[in-house]
Amino acid sequence: MWQLKLFFDLNLRINSMSNLKKFFAALVIALTGISCAQASEFAGPYAGFKVEENWSDASGVVNVKSHATTFPGLTAGFGFDVKQFMIGAEVFADFHNGSTTYKDGGVDLKVGMPFNTIMPYARVGMTGSWPNGRLHGGLGVEYKFAKQFSVAGEWTADSSNHEGTKRNNNSVTVGVHYYF
């Protein structure tokens, strides 16, 4: 009988020690701000295809009235989770022959704030192949509709003042990304 009492007494002490260890571990995590958060839905490498509507004009040595063109584009990037933000880099190619800047490619810094499967974001970087390199920026929102697929809608803009001609581009884009 004393063996049974000893067994229950030891079991009670082991469970108490285990609970005490769990309590102190939770206390340390709470006091130091250590987070056990998982990666966002938007971290990691991706590639995609987009369709864009571009409004462009040129004035100066070359004059082109504002006009619209529809064109395809490609994109690829990589995102990292930094606290509650996603920060990444994205390269792109736009095949808009009807634009006043023709075909473009570039690289952007992309900063977003994921809310589960939705991420609003801003982007800024450089674009250009013709007539010159220029600052590029925009705003968008991305929705992750499956584990490896998302759809994104965004507005981007850039302008150029080169050899006496000022060119303006504004684009609205809808694209699909595949996350690896």
N, C-alpha and C. Protein backbone atom coordinates (compact mmCIF):
# COMPACT_ATOMS: atom_id res chain seq x y z
N MET A 1 0.81 -1.18 0.00
CA MET A 1 0.00 0.00 0.00
C MET A 1 0.86 1.26 0.00
N TRP A 2 1.97 1.22 0.75
CA TRP A 2 2.82 2.40 0.79
C TRP A 2 3.43 2.68 -0.58
N GLN A 3 3.63 1.62 -1.43
CA GLN A 3 4.17 1.82 -2.77
C GLN A 3 3.20 2.63 -3.63
N LEU A 4 1.90 2.34 -3.48
CA LEU A 4 0.88 3.05 -4.23
C LEU A 4 0.84 4.53 -3.82
N LYS A 5 0.94 4.76 -2.50
CA LYS A 5 0.94 6.14 -2.01
C LYS A 5 2.18 6.87 -2.52
N LEU A 6 3.34 6.24 -2.53
CA LEU A 6 4.57 6.82 -3.03
C LEU A 6 4.44 7.13 -4.53
N PHE A 7 3.85 6.21 -5.29
CA PHE A 7 3.66 6.40 -6.73
C PHE A 7 2.79 7.63 -6.99
N PHE A 8 1.66 7.78 -6.30
CA PHE A 8 0.77 8.93 -6.49
C PHE A 8 1.44 10.23 -6.04
N ASP A 9 2.22 10.16 -4.96
CA ASP A 9 2.92 11.34 -4.47
C ASP A 9 3.97 11.80 -5.48
N LEU A 10 4.75 10.86 -6.02
CA LEU A 10 5.75 11.21 -7.04
C LEU A 10 5.08 11.73 -8.31
N ASN A 11 4.00 11.11 -8.73
CA ASN A 11 3.28 11.53 -9.92
C ASN A 11 2.76 12.97 -9.77
N LEU A 12 2.21 13.26 -8.58
CA LEU A 12 1.70 14.60 -8.30
C LEU A 12 2.84 15.63 -8.37
N ARG A 13 4.00 15.30 -7.80
CA ARG A 13 5.13 16.22 -7.82
C ARG A 13 5.67 16.42 -9.24
N ILE A 14 5.74 15.35 -10.03
CA ILE A 14 6.21 15.46 -11.42
C ILE A 14 5.27 16.34 -12.23
N ASN A 15 3.95 16.13 -12.09
CA ASN A 15 2.97 16.95 -12.80
C ASN A 15 3.05 18.41 -12.35
N SER A 16 3.25 18.63 -11.06
CA SER A 16 3.37 20.00 -10.54
C SER A 16 4.62 20.67 -11.11
N MET A 17 5.73 19.94 -11.18
CA MET A 17 6.96 20.50 -11.74
C MET A 17 6.78 20.81 -13.23
N SER A 18 6.11 19.93 -13.94
CA SER A 18 5.86 20.14 -15.36
C SER A 18 5.01 21.39 -15.56
N ASN A 19 3.96 21.53 -14.76
CA ASN A 19 3.10 22.71 -14.86
C ASN A 19 3.87 23.98 -14.49
N LEU A 20 4.75 23.88 -13.49
CA LEU A 20 5.55 25.02 -13.08
C LEU A 20 6.51 25.43 -14.19
N LYS A 21 7.12 24.46 -14.86
CA LYS A 21 8.02 24.75 -15.98
C LYS A 21 7.25 25.43 -17.12
N LYS A 22 6.06 24.95 -17.42
CA LYS A 22 5.24 25.55 -18.46
C LYS A 22 4.87 26.99 -18.09
N PHE A 23 4.54 27.21 -16.83
CA PHE A 23 4.19 28.55 -16.38
C PHE A 23 5.36 29.51 -16.55
N PHE A 24 6.58 29.08 -16.12
CA PHE A 24 7.74 29.94 -16.25
C PHE A 24 8.14 30.16 -17.71
N ALA A 25 7.99 29.17 -18.55
CA ALA A 25 8.28 29.34 -19.98
C ALA A 25 7.33 30.37 -20.60
N ALA A 26 6.04 30.28 -20.27
CA ALA A 26 5.06 31.25 -20.78
C ALA A 26 5.36 32.65 -20.25
N LEU A 27 5.78 32.74 -19.00
CA LEU A 27 6.11 34.03 -18.41
C LEU A 27 7.32 34.66 -19.10
N VAL A 28 8.35 33.87 -19.38
CA VAL A 28 9.54 34.37 -20.06
C VAL A 28 9.18 34.85 -21.47
N ILE A 29 8.38 34.09 -22.18
CA ILE A 29 7.96 34.49 -23.53
C ILE A 29 7.18 35.79 -23.48
N ALA A 30 6.26 35.91 -22.56
CA ALA A 30 5.44 37.12 -22.44
C ALA A 30 6.30 38.33 -22.07
N LEU A 31 7.24 38.17 -21.16
CA LEU A 31 8.05 39.30 -20.71
C LEU A 31 9.09 39.73 -21.73
N THR A 32 9.60 38.83 -22.53
CA THR A 32 10.64 39.18 -23.50
C THR A 32 10.08 39.52 -24.87
N GLY A 33 8.80 39.30 -25.09
CA GLY A 33 8.20 39.64 -26.37
C GLY A 33 8.53 38.66 -27.47
N ILE A 34 8.98 37.47 -27.12
CA ILE A 34 9.28 36.46 -28.12
C ILE A 34 7.98 36.03 -28.79
N SER A 35 8.01 35.97 -30.11
CA SER A 35 6.82 35.61 -30.87
C SER A 35 6.98 34.22 -31.46
N CYS A 36 5.91 33.49 -31.49
CA CYS A 36 5.90 32.17 -32.10
C CYS A 36 5.07 32.21 -33.38
N ALA A 37 5.05 33.35 -34.07
CA ALA A 37 4.24 33.51 -35.27
C ALA A 37 4.81 32.71 -36.43
N GLN A 38 3.92 32.24 -37.27
CA GLN A 38 4.33 31.51 -38.45
C GLN A 38 4.56 32.50 -39.59
N ALA A 39 5.17 32.02 -40.67
CA ALA A 39 5.38 32.85 -41.84
C ALA A 39 4.04 33.24 -42.45
N SER A 40 4.01 34.43 -43.06
CA SER A 40 2.78 34.88 -43.70
C SER A 40 2.53 34.07 -44.97
N GLU A 41 1.36 34.24 -45.51
CA GLU A 41 0.98 33.56 -46.75
C GLU A 41 1.81 34.07 -47.94
N PHE A 42 2.48 35.22 -47.80
CA PHE A 42 3.12 35.88 -48.93
C PHE A 42 4.64 35.84 -48.89
N ALA A 43 5.22 35.08 -47.96
CA ALA A 43 6.67 34.95 -47.88
C ALA A 43 7.14 33.87 -48.86
N GLY A 44 8.34 34.07 -49.41
CA GLY A 44 8.93 33.08 -50.29
C GLY A 44 8.96 33.51 -51.74
N PRO A 45 9.46 32.63 -52.62
CA PRO A 45 9.59 32.97 -54.05
C PRO A 45 8.27 32.79 -54.80
N TYR A 46 8.09 33.61 -55.84
CA TYR A 46 6.90 33.51 -56.68
C TYR A 46 7.21 34.00 -58.09
N ALA A 47 6.36 33.64 -59.02
CA ALA A 47 6.44 34.11 -60.41
C ALA A 47 5.02 34.28 -60.90
N GLY A 48 4.84 35.17 -61.89
CA GLY A 48 3.48 35.40 -62.34
C GLY A 48 3.36 36.03 -63.70
N PHE A 49 2.12 36.13 -64.12
CA PHE A 49 1.72 36.71 -65.40
C PHE A 49 0.70 37.80 -65.09
N LYS A 50 0.74 38.90 -65.86
CA LYS A 50 -0.21 39.98 -65.61
C LYS A 50 -0.72 40.56 -66.93
N VAL A 51 -1.90 41.17 -66.85
CA VAL A 51 -2.48 41.90 -67.97
C VAL A 51 -2.67 43.32 -67.48
N GLU A 52 -2.24 44.29 -68.29
CA GLU A 52 -2.25 45.68 -67.85
C GLU A 52 -2.96 46.57 -68.86
N GLU A 53 -3.53 47.64 -68.35
CA GLU A 53 -4.05 48.73 -69.16
C GLU A 53 -3.19 49.94 -68.83
N ASN A 54 -2.57 50.53 -69.87
CA ASN A 54 -1.63 51.62 -69.69
C ASN A 54 -2.16 52.88 -70.36
N TRP A 55 -2.08 54.01 -69.64
CA TRP A 55 -2.40 55.31 -70.21
C TRP A 55 -1.10 56.10 -70.24
N SER A 56 -0.71 56.57 -71.43
CA SER A 56 0.55 57.28 -71.54
C SER A 56 0.41 58.48 -72.48
N ASP A 57 1.33 59.43 -72.30
CA ASP A 57 1.40 60.59 -73.18
C ASP A 57 2.83 61.08 -73.23
N ALA A 58 3.10 61.95 -74.22
CA ALA A 58 4.41 62.56 -74.35
C ALA A 58 4.22 63.99 -74.83
N SER A 59 5.05 64.91 -74.32
CA SER A 59 5.00 66.30 -74.76
C SER A 59 6.42 66.85 -74.82
N GLY A 60 6.64 67.79 -75.73
CA GLY A 60 7.96 68.37 -75.91
C GLY A 60 8.40 68.15 -77.34
N VAL A 61 9.64 67.67 -77.51
CA VAL A 61 10.16 67.38 -78.84
C VAL A 61 9.26 66.35 -79.53
N VAL A 62 8.83 65.34 -78.80
CA VAL A 62 7.87 64.34 -79.30
C VAL A 62 6.54 64.61 -78.62
N ASN A 63 5.46 64.72 -79.39
CA ASN A 63 4.13 64.95 -78.84
C ASN A 63 3.23 63.77 -79.18
N VAL A 64 2.70 63.12 -78.15
CA VAL A 64 1.76 62.01 -78.33
C VAL A 64 0.61 62.25 -77.36
N LYS A 65 -0.62 62.32 -77.89
CA LYS A 65 -1.78 62.51 -77.04
C LYS A 65 -1.92 61.34 -76.08
N SER A 66 -2.60 61.58 -74.96
CA SER A 66 -2.88 60.51 -74.01
C SER A 66 -3.70 59.43 -74.69
N HIS A 67 -3.26 58.21 -74.54
CA HIS A 67 -3.96 57.07 -75.15
C HIS A 67 -3.78 55.83 -74.28
N ALA A 68 -4.62 54.84 -74.52
CA ALA A 68 -4.60 53.61 -73.72
C ALA A 68 -4.15 52.43 -74.58
N THR A 69 -3.41 51.52 -73.95
CA THR A 69 -3.02 50.26 -74.58
C THR A 69 -3.17 49.14 -73.56
N THR A 70 -3.52 47.96 -74.04
CA THR A 70 -3.60 46.77 -73.20
C THR A 70 -2.43 45.88 -73.58
N PHE A 71 -1.77 45.30 -72.58
CA PHE A 71 -0.57 44.53 -72.86
C PHE A 71 -0.31 43.49 -71.77
N PRO A 72 0.50 42.47 -72.08
CA PRO A 72 0.88 41.46 -71.07
C PRO A 72 2.18 41.84 -70.37
N GLY A 73 2.42 41.15 -69.26
CA GLY A 73 3.67 41.33 -68.53
C GLY A 73 4.01 40.10 -67.71
N LEU A 74 5.25 40.04 -67.26
CA LEU A 74 5.73 38.95 -66.42
C LEU A 74 6.32 39.53 -65.14
N THR A 75 6.30 38.75 -64.08
CA THR A 75 6.83 39.20 -62.81
C THR A 75 7.41 38.02 -62.02
N ALA A 76 8.42 38.29 -61.20
CA ALA A 76 8.99 37.27 -60.31
C ALA A 76 9.57 37.99 -59.10
N GLY A 77 9.50 37.36 -57.94
CA GLY A 77 10.01 38.01 -56.75
C GLY A 77 10.21 37.07 -55.59
N PHE A 78 10.63 37.66 -54.48
CA PHE A 78 10.83 36.91 -53.25
C PHE A 78 10.48 37.83 -52.09
N GLY A 79 9.67 37.33 -51.15
CA GLY A 79 9.27 38.11 -49.99
C GLY A 79 9.75 37.50 -48.69
N PHE A 80 10.09 38.36 -47.73
CA PHE A 80 10.52 37.97 -46.39
C PHE A 80 9.57 38.57 -45.37
N ASP A 81 9.27 37.82 -44.33
CA ASP A 81 8.49 38.36 -43.22
C ASP A 81 9.42 39.08 -42.27
N VAL A 82 9.11 40.34 -41.97
CA VAL A 82 9.85 41.13 -41.00
C VAL A 82 8.80 41.71 -40.05
N LYS A 83 8.71 41.07 -38.87
CA LYS A 83 7.65 41.38 -37.90
C LYS A 83 6.31 41.22 -38.59
N GLN A 84 5.44 42.25 -38.58
CA GLN A 84 4.12 42.10 -39.19
C GLN A 84 4.13 42.48 -40.67
N PHE A 85 5.28 42.80 -41.25
CA PHE A 85 5.37 43.22 -42.65
C PHE A 85 5.96 42.13 -43.53
N MET A 86 5.68 42.22 -44.83
CA MET A 86 6.35 41.42 -45.84
C MET A 86 7.18 42.41 -46.64
N ILE A 87 8.48 42.16 -46.72
CA ILE A 87 9.39 43.01 -47.48
C ILE A 87 10.07 42.13 -48.50
N GLY A 88 10.07 42.60 -49.76
CA GLY A 88 10.67 41.79 -50.80
C GLY A 88 11.11 42.60 -51.99
N ALA A 89 11.64 41.89 -52.96
CA ALA A 89 12.06 42.48 -54.22
C ALA A 89 11.31 41.79 -55.35
N GLU A 90 11.00 42.56 -56.38
CA GLU A 90 10.26 42.00 -57.52
C GLU A 90 10.86 42.56 -58.80
N VAL A 91 11.10 41.68 -59.76
CA VAL A 91 11.51 42.10 -61.11
C VAL A 91 10.29 41.94 -62.01
N PHE A 92 10.22 42.78 -63.05
CA PHE A 92 9.06 42.72 -63.95
C PHE A 92 9.47 43.09 -65.36
N ALA A 93 8.66 42.66 -66.31
CA ALA A 93 8.81 43.02 -67.71
C ALA A 93 7.42 43.34 -68.25
N ASP A 94 7.29 44.52 -68.86
CA ASP A 94 6.02 44.97 -69.44
C ASP A 94 6.20 45.08 -70.95
N PHE A 95 5.31 44.46 -71.70
CA PHE A 95 5.42 44.42 -73.15
C PHE A 95 4.38 45.34 -73.78
N HIS A 96 4.48 46.64 -73.49
CA HIS A 96 3.50 47.59 -74.01
C HIS A 96 4.09 48.41 -75.15
N ASN A 97 4.05 47.84 -76.35
CA ASN A 97 4.60 48.50 -77.52
C ASN A 97 3.87 49.81 -77.85
N GLY A 98 2.59 49.94 -77.48
CA GLY A 98 1.83 51.14 -77.80
C GLY A 98 2.07 52.29 -76.85
N SER A 99 2.78 52.07 -75.76
CA SER A 99 3.07 53.12 -74.79
C SER A 99 4.13 54.06 -75.34
N THR A 100 4.18 55.26 -74.79
CA THR A 100 5.22 56.20 -75.23
C THR A 100 6.62 55.79 -74.77
N THR A 101 6.71 54.83 -73.85
CA THR A 101 8.02 54.32 -73.42
C THR A 101 8.30 52.90 -73.93
N TYR A 102 7.44 52.38 -74.78
CA TYR A 102 7.59 51.06 -75.38
C TYR A 102 7.71 49.96 -74.32
N LYS A 103 8.62 49.01 -74.53
CA LYS A 103 8.77 47.89 -73.60
C LYS A 103 9.60 48.34 -72.39
N ASP A 104 9.18 47.89 -71.20
CA ASP A 104 9.89 48.25 -69.97
C ASP A 104 10.21 47.02 -69.15
N GLY A 105 11.21 47.15 -68.33
CA GLY A 105 11.53 46.15 -67.32
C GLY A 105 12.11 46.88 -66.14
N GLY A 106 12.10 46.24 -64.98
CA GLY A 106 12.65 46.92 -63.82
C GLY A 106 12.66 46.06 -62.58
N VAL A 107 13.02 46.69 -61.48
CA VAL A 107 13.06 46.02 -60.18
C VAL A 107 12.47 46.98 -59.15
N ASP A 108 11.64 46.44 -58.26
CA ASP A 108 10.97 47.22 -57.22
C ASP A 108 11.20 46.61 -55.86
N LEU A 109 11.23 47.46 -54.85
CA LEU A 109 11.11 47.04 -53.45
C LEU A 109 9.62 46.99 -53.17
N LYS A 110 9.15 45.90 -52.61
CA LYS A 110 7.72 45.71 -52.33
C LYS A 110 7.54 45.54 -50.82
N VAL A 111 6.68 46.37 -50.22
CA VAL A 111 6.43 46.31 -48.77
C VAL A 111 4.93 46.17 -48.56
N GLY A 112 4.54 45.09 -47.89
CA GLY A 112 3.12 44.84 -47.64
C GLY A 112 2.86 44.51 -46.18
N MET A 113 1.57 44.52 -45.84
CA MET A 113 1.16 44.15 -44.48
C MET A 113 0.09 43.06 -44.60
N PRO A 114 0.49 41.78 -44.49
CA PRO A 114 -0.48 40.69 -44.64
C PRO A 114 -1.52 40.65 -43.52
N PHE A 115 -2.77 40.42 -43.91
CA PHE A 115 -3.89 40.17 -43.01
C PHE A 115 -4.46 38.82 -43.44
N ASN A 116 -3.91 37.74 -42.91
CA ASN A 116 -4.27 36.38 -43.32
C ASN A 116 -4.02 36.20 -44.80
N THR A 117 -5.07 36.17 -45.64
CA THR A 117 -4.91 35.90 -47.07
C THR A 117 -4.96 37.16 -47.93
N ILE A 118 -5.03 38.33 -47.32
CA ILE A 118 -5.08 39.60 -48.06
C ILE A 118 -3.88 40.45 -47.66
N MET A 119 -3.23 41.06 -48.66
CA MET A 119 -2.08 41.91 -48.35
C MET A 119 -2.10 43.19 -49.20
N PRO A 120 -2.39 44.34 -48.57
CA PRO A 120 -2.18 45.60 -49.27
C PRO A 120 -0.67 45.88 -49.29
N TYR A 121 -0.20 46.54 -50.35
CA TYR A 121 1.24 46.80 -50.45
C TYR A 121 1.53 48.07 -51.24
N ALA A 122 2.76 48.53 -51.09
CA ALA A 122 3.31 49.64 -51.87
C ALA A 122 4.60 49.14 -52.51
N ARG A 123 4.96 49.75 -53.62
CA ARG A 123 6.18 49.36 -54.32
C ARG A 123 6.88 50.61 -54.83
N VAL A 124 8.20 50.57 -54.85
CA VAL A 124 9.00 51.65 -55.40
C VAL A 124 10.29 51.05 -55.95
N GLY A 125 10.75 51.56 -57.09
CA GLY A 125 11.96 51.04 -57.69
C GLY A 125 12.34 51.77 -58.95
N MET A 126 13.06 51.09 -59.80
CA MET A 126 13.51 51.66 -61.07
C MET A 126 12.96 50.84 -62.22
N THR A 127 12.60 51.55 -63.29
CA THR A 127 12.14 50.90 -64.51
C THR A 127 12.81 51.58 -65.69
N GLY A 128 12.80 50.88 -66.80
CA GLY A 128 13.27 51.52 -68.02
C GLY A 128 14.09 50.63 -68.91
N SER A 129 13.90 50.81 -70.16
CA SER A 129 14.77 50.27 -71.18
C SER A 129 14.84 51.31 -72.28
N TRP A 130 13.71 51.98 -72.53
CA TRP A 130 13.68 53.08 -73.49
C TRP A 130 12.67 54.09 -73.02
N PRO A 131 12.86 55.34 -73.00
CA PRO A 131 14.07 56.04 -73.45
C PRO A 131 15.17 56.11 -72.39
N ASN A 132 14.84 55.84 -71.12
CA ASN A 132 15.85 55.94 -70.07
C ASN A 132 15.34 55.26 -68.80
N GLY A 133 16.23 55.14 -67.81
CA GLY A 133 15.83 54.62 -66.51
C GLY A 133 15.09 55.70 -65.73
N ARG A 134 14.10 55.28 -64.92
CA ARG A 134 13.32 56.26 -64.17
C ARG A 134 12.70 55.63 -62.93
N LEU A 135 12.30 56.48 -61.98
CA LEU A 135 11.65 56.03 -60.76
C LEU A 135 10.27 55.46 -61.10
N HIS A 136 9.91 54.40 -60.41
CA HIS A 136 8.65 53.68 -60.65
C HIS A 136 8.02 53.42 -59.29
N GLY A 137 6.71 53.57 -59.17
CA GLY A 137 6.06 53.30 -57.89
C GLY A 137 4.60 52.92 -58.07
N GLY A 138 4.00 52.39 -57.01
CA GLY A 138 2.59 52.02 -57.11
C GLY A 138 2.03 51.47 -55.81
N LEU A 139 0.73 51.19 -55.86
CA LEU A 139 -0.02 50.62 -54.74
C LEU A 139 -0.83 49.44 -55.24
N GLY A 140 -1.03 48.45 -54.37
CA GLY A 140 -1.82 47.29 -54.79
C GLY A 140 -2.35 46.49 -53.63
N VAL A 141 -3.09 45.46 -53.97
CA VAL A 141 -3.60 44.51 -52.99
C VAL A 141 -3.53 43.12 -53.62
N GLU A 142 -3.13 42.14 -52.80
CA GLU A 142 -2.98 40.76 -53.26
C GLU A 142 -3.84 39.85 -52.40
N TYR A 143 -4.49 38.89 -53.03
CA TYR A 143 -5.37 37.94 -52.34
C TYR A 143 -4.90 36.53 -52.63
N LYS A 144 -4.59 35.77 -51.60
CA LYS A 144 -4.14 34.39 -51.73
C LYS A 144 -5.38 33.50 -51.71
N PHE A 145 -5.79 32.99 -52.88
CA PHE A 145 -7.01 32.20 -52.98
C PHE A 145 -6.76 30.70 -52.89
N ALA A 146 -5.50 30.29 -52.92
CA ALA A 146 -5.13 28.89 -52.75
C ALA A 146 -3.73 28.86 -52.15
N LYS A 147 -3.30 27.69 -51.69
CA LYS A 147 -2.00 27.57 -51.01
C LYS A 147 -0.86 28.16 -51.84
N GLN A 148 -0.87 27.94 -53.16
CA GLN A 148 0.24 28.40 -53.99
C GLN A 148 -0.16 29.46 -55.02
N PHE A 149 -1.40 29.95 -54.99
CA PHE A 149 -1.84 30.91 -56.00
C PHE A 149 -2.43 32.16 -55.36
N SER A 150 -2.16 33.30 -55.99
CA SER A 150 -2.77 34.56 -55.57
C SER A 150 -3.15 35.37 -56.80
N VAL A 151 -4.02 36.33 -56.58
CA VAL A 151 -4.37 37.30 -57.61
C VAL A 151 -4.04 38.68 -57.04
N ALA A 152 -3.49 39.55 -57.86
CA ALA A 152 -3.10 40.89 -57.42
C ALA A 152 -3.65 41.93 -58.36
N GLY A 153 -4.09 43.04 -57.79
CA GLY A 153 -4.50 44.21 -58.57
C GLY A 153 -3.69 45.39 -58.10
N GLU A 154 -3.17 46.19 -59.04
CA GLU A 154 -2.36 47.32 -58.63
C GLU A 154 -2.40 48.46 -59.64
N TRP A 155 -2.01 49.63 -59.16
CA TRP A 155 -1.81 50.81 -59.98
C TRP A 155 -0.34 51.18 -59.86
N THR A 156 0.31 51.46 -60.99
CA THR A 156 1.70 51.90 -61.00
C THR A 156 1.85 53.12 -61.90
N ALA A 157 2.88 53.89 -61.65
CA ALA A 157 3.14 55.09 -62.45
C ALA A 157 4.63 55.35 -62.54
N ASP A 158 5.03 55.98 -63.64
CA ASP A 158 6.38 56.48 -63.79
C ASP A 158 6.35 57.62 -64.81
N SER A 159 7.38 58.44 -64.79
CA SER A 159 7.49 59.52 -65.77
C SER A 159 8.96 59.69 -66.14
N SER A 160 9.17 60.26 -67.32
CA SER A 160 10.51 60.44 -67.85
C SER A 160 10.62 61.83 -68.46
N ASN A 161 11.74 62.47 -68.26
CA ASN A 161 12.03 63.74 -68.91
C ASN A 161 13.39 63.57 -69.56
N HIS A 162 13.39 63.20 -70.84
CA HIS A 162 14.62 62.81 -71.53
C HIS A 162 14.69 63.47 -72.90
N GLU A 163 15.80 64.14 -73.18
CA GLU A 163 16.06 64.78 -74.47
C GLU A 163 14.91 65.67 -74.93
N GLY A 164 14.40 66.48 -74.02
CA GLY A 164 13.37 67.45 -74.36
C GLY A 164 11.95 66.91 -74.45
N THR A 165 11.73 65.67 -74.08
CA THR A 165 10.38 65.09 -74.11
C THR A 165 10.02 64.55 -72.74
N LYS A 166 8.86 64.95 -72.25
CA LYS A 166 8.33 64.43 -70.98
C LYS A 166 7.31 63.36 -71.29
N ARG A 167 7.52 62.17 -70.73
CA ARG A 167 6.63 61.03 -70.93
C ARG A 167 6.01 60.63 -69.59
N ASN A 168 4.72 60.26 -69.60
CA ASN A 168 4.01 59.81 -68.41
C ASN A 168 3.35 58.46 -68.68
N ASN A 169 3.43 57.57 -67.69
CA ASN A 169 2.78 56.26 -67.75
C ASN A 169 1.97 56.05 -66.49
N ASN A 170 0.76 55.57 -66.63
CA ASN A 170 -0.08 55.09 -65.53
C ASN A 170 -0.65 53.76 -65.97
N SER A 171 -0.52 52.75 -65.13
CA SER A 171 -1.00 51.41 -65.49
C SER A 171 -1.86 50.83 -64.37
N VAL A 172 -2.89 50.11 -64.76
CA VAL A 172 -3.70 49.31 -63.85
C VAL A 172 -3.48 47.85 -64.25
N THR A 173 -3.14 47.02 -63.28
CA THR A 173 -2.72 45.64 -63.54
C THR A 173 -3.56 44.64 -62.77
N VAL A 174 -3.84 43.51 -63.41
CA VAL A 174 -4.40 42.33 -62.72
C VAL A 174 -3.48 41.17 -63.09
N GLY A 175 -3.00 40.47 -62.05
CA GLY A 175 -2.07 39.37 -62.31
C GLY A 175 -2.32 38.18 -61.40
N VAL A 176 -1.75 37.06 -61.81
CA VAL A 176 -1.81 35.82 -61.03
C VAL A 176 -0.40 35.40 -60.70
N HIS A 177 -0.15 35.07 -59.41
CA HIS A 177 1.17 34.63 -58.96
C HIS A 177 1.12 33.18 -58.52
N TYR A 178 2.20 32.47 -58.80
CA TYR A 178 2.38 31.11 -58.31
C TYR A 178 3.50 31.13 -57.27
N TYR A 179 3.23 30.69 -56.05
CA TYR A 179 4.22 30.65 -54.97
C TYR A 179 4.84 29.26 -54.92
N PHE A 180 6.16 29.20 -54.96
CA PHE A 180 6.88 27.92 -54.95
C PHE A 180 7.01 27.37 -53.55
